[in-house]
Amino acid sequence: MEDLKRSLRMPLFGSTFSPKKTPPRKAASLSSLHTLDRSTREVELGTEYGPPCMNIGGQTWKFEDGQWITESGGTVSNKEMQRLKKRNAQLEEENNLLKLKIEILMDMHTETTVQYHLKEKELEELKLHRT
């Protein structure tokens, strides 16, 4: 029984942990493209790579000028796209008109304020001359 207790006893700081050294990994490429000769690689990959493309949910997307754009037009029809462009132009025109109206109102307000101050100053001068 004493031997069993001794064999089950685990020293806390008595032994040091020293794992076996792992062998260095082989630098093997997972791609087989490096084994192909130049002509086969050109046939497989082509000489012109072009921008990256992908197909997601039936839509073809192409990466151009730092943005992903759709080539297939997605679910928006040509007619819908024309309607949206026309609405966008209308809203831009309305926005420009409102900006102009604000500018005119600000000018009118400034002019009225200046006239008020001039009249107020004139009134003060009249009061001073009367006394």
Protein backbone atom coordinates (compact mmCIF):
# COMPACT_ATOMS: atom_id res chain seq x y z
CA MET A 1 0.00 0.00 0.00
CA GLU A 2 2.87 2.33 0.79
CA ASP A 3 4.30 1.74 -2.68
CA LEU A 4 1.00 2.65 -4.26
CA LYS A 5 0.86 5.95 -2.33
CA ARG A 6 4.43 6.74 -3.36
CA SER A 7 3.73 6.04 -7.03
CA LEU A 8 0.61 8.25 -7.00
CA ARG A 9 2.38 11.13 -5.26
CA MET A 10 3.24 13.96 -7.68
CA PRO A 11 6.01 16.34 -6.75
CA LEU A 12 5.07 19.99 -7.14
CA PHE A 13 8.46 21.49 -7.88
CA GLY A 14 10.63 18.41 -7.90
CA SER A 15 10.83 17.65 -11.60
CA THR A 16 11.15 20.05 -14.50
CA PHE A 17 9.03 19.90 -17.61
CA SER A 18 11.09 19.39 -20.71
CA PRO A 19 9.18 18.58 -23.88
CA LYS A 20 10.82 16.94 -26.84
CA LYS A 21 12.05 19.26 -29.56
CA THR A 22 9.77 19.26 -32.57
CA PRO A 23 11.40 18.70 -35.93
CA PRO A 24 11.49 21.74 -38.25
CA ARG A 25 8.65 21.92 -40.76
CA LYS A 26 9.24 21.43 -44.42
CA ALA A 27 8.51 24.53 -46.47
CA ALA A 28 6.28 22.81 -48.99
CA SER A 29 3.80 24.85 -50.99
CA LEU A 30 0.24 23.60 -51.07
CA SER A 31 -0.18 25.00 -54.56
CA SER A 32 0.83 22.92 -57.54
CA LEU A 33 1.22 25.98 -59.77
CA HIS A 34 4.95 26.14 -59.14
CA THR A 35 5.36 22.72 -60.76
CA LEU A 36 3.77 23.88 -64.04
CA ASP A 37 5.95 25.20 -66.81
CA ARG A 38 5.53 28.76 -68.05
CA SER A 39 3.33 28.02 -71.08
CA THR A 40 0.92 25.87 -69.06
CA ARG A 41 0.74 28.54 -66.38
CA GLU A 42 -0.10 31.19 -69.00
CA VAL A 43 -2.85 28.98 -70.39
CA GLU A 44 -4.26 28.31 -66.90
CA LEU A 45 -3.97 31.85 -65.52
CA GLY A 46 -3.75 33.95 -68.67
CA THR A 47 -1.27 36.73 -69.29
CA GLU A 48 -3.73 39.50 -68.38
CA TYR A 49 -5.08 39.07 -64.87
CA GLY A 50 -7.46 42.06 -64.82
CA PRO A 51 -9.46 43.26 -61.83
CA PRO A 52 -10.72 40.66 -59.36
CA CYS A 53 -14.29 39.45 -59.93
CA MET A 54 -16.71 37.36 -57.88
CA ASN A 55 -20.24 36.07 -58.14
CA ILE A 56 -22.49 36.49 -55.09
CA GLY A 57 -26.17 35.60 -55.18
CA GLY A 58 -26.38 35.76 -58.96
CA GLN A 59 -24.69 39.16 -59.13
CA THR A 60 -21.26 39.58 -60.64
CA TRP A 61 -19.07 42.06 -58.75
CA LYS A 62 -15.84 43.60 -60.07
CA PHE A 63 -13.24 45.54 -58.04
CA GLU A 64 -12.36 48.75 -59.90
CA ASP A 65 -10.82 51.99 -58.65
CA GLY A 66 -10.95 50.87 -55.02
CA GLN A 67 -14.68 49.98 -55.05
CA TRP A 68 -16.76 46.89 -55.74
CA ILE A 69 -19.22 47.54 -58.57
CA THR A 70 -21.85 45.22 -59.99
CA GLU A 71 -21.63 44.19 -63.62
CA SER A 72 -24.98 42.45 -63.92
CA GLY A 73 -26.98 45.33 -62.50
CA GLY A 74 -28.35 43.14 -59.71
CA THR A 75 -32.08 43.14 -59.07
CA VAL A 76 -32.55 46.75 -60.21
CA SER A 77 -33.92 46.94 -63.75
CA ASN A 78 -32.77 49.47 -66.33
CA LYS A 79 -36.15 51.22 -66.11
CA GLU A 80 -35.86 51.46 -62.31
CA MET A 81 -32.31 52.80 -62.63
CA GLN A 82 -33.48 55.54 -65.03
CA ARG A 83 -36.32 56.45 -62.65
CA LEU A 84 -33.89 56.69 -59.72
CA LYS A 85 -31.48 58.86 -61.71
CA LYS A 86 -34.33 61.18 -62.73
CA ARG A 87 -35.53 61.43 -59.10
CA ASN A 88 -31.97 62.12 -57.95
CA ALA A 89 -31.65 64.97 -60.49
CA GLN A 90 -34.99 66.43 -59.30
CA LEU A 91 -33.88 66.31 -55.67
CA GLU A 92 -30.55 67.95 -56.50
CA GLU A 93 -32.37 70.74 -58.35
CA GLU A 94 -34.76 71.22 -55.41
CA ASN A 95 -31.83 71.28 -53.00
CA ASN A 96 -30.06 73.96 -55.06
CA LEU A 97 -33.25 76.05 -55.17
CA LEU A 98 -33.65 75.81 -51.38
CA LYS A 99 -30.04 76.85 -50.86
CA LEU A 100 -30.65 79.90 -53.07
CA LYS A 101 -33.80 80.79 -51.10
CA ILE A 102 -31.88 80.55 -47.82
CA GLU A 103 -29.17 82.83 -49.21
CA ILE A 104 -31.77 85.40 -50.30
CA LEU A 105 -33.50 85.28 -46.90
CA MET A 106 -30.17 85.74 -45.10
CA ASP A 107 -29.41 88.79 -47.27
CA MET A 108 -32.86 90.24 -46.54
CA HIS A 109 -32.40 89.66 -42.82
CA THR A 110 -28.98 91.32 -42.87
CA GLU A 111 -30.34 94.33 -44.75
CA THR A 112 -33.27 94.71 -42.33
CA THR A 113 -30.95 94.44 -39.32
CA VAL A 114 -28.65 97.13 -40.72
CA GLN A 115 -31.61 99.44 -41.40
CA TYR A 116 -32.91 98.88 -37.89
CA HIS A 117 -29.57 99.78 -36.34
CA LEU A 118 -29.27 102.90 -38.52
CA LYS A 119 -32.76 104.06 -37.52
CA GLU A 120 -31.99 103.34 -33.87
CA LYS A 121 -28.78 105.38 -34.08
CA GLU A 122 -30.60 108.23 -35.82
CA LEU A 123 -33.26 108.21 -33.10
CA GLU A 124 -30.61 108.39 -30.37
CA GLU A 125 -28.97 111.37 -32.10
CA LEU A 126 -32.33 113.19 -32.33
CA LYS A 127 -32.92 112.62 -28.63
CA LEU A 128 -29.49 114.07 -27.82
CA HIS A 129 -30.04 117.21 -29.93
CA ARG A 130 -33.43 117.96 -28.33
CA THR A 131 -32.10 118.18 -24.85
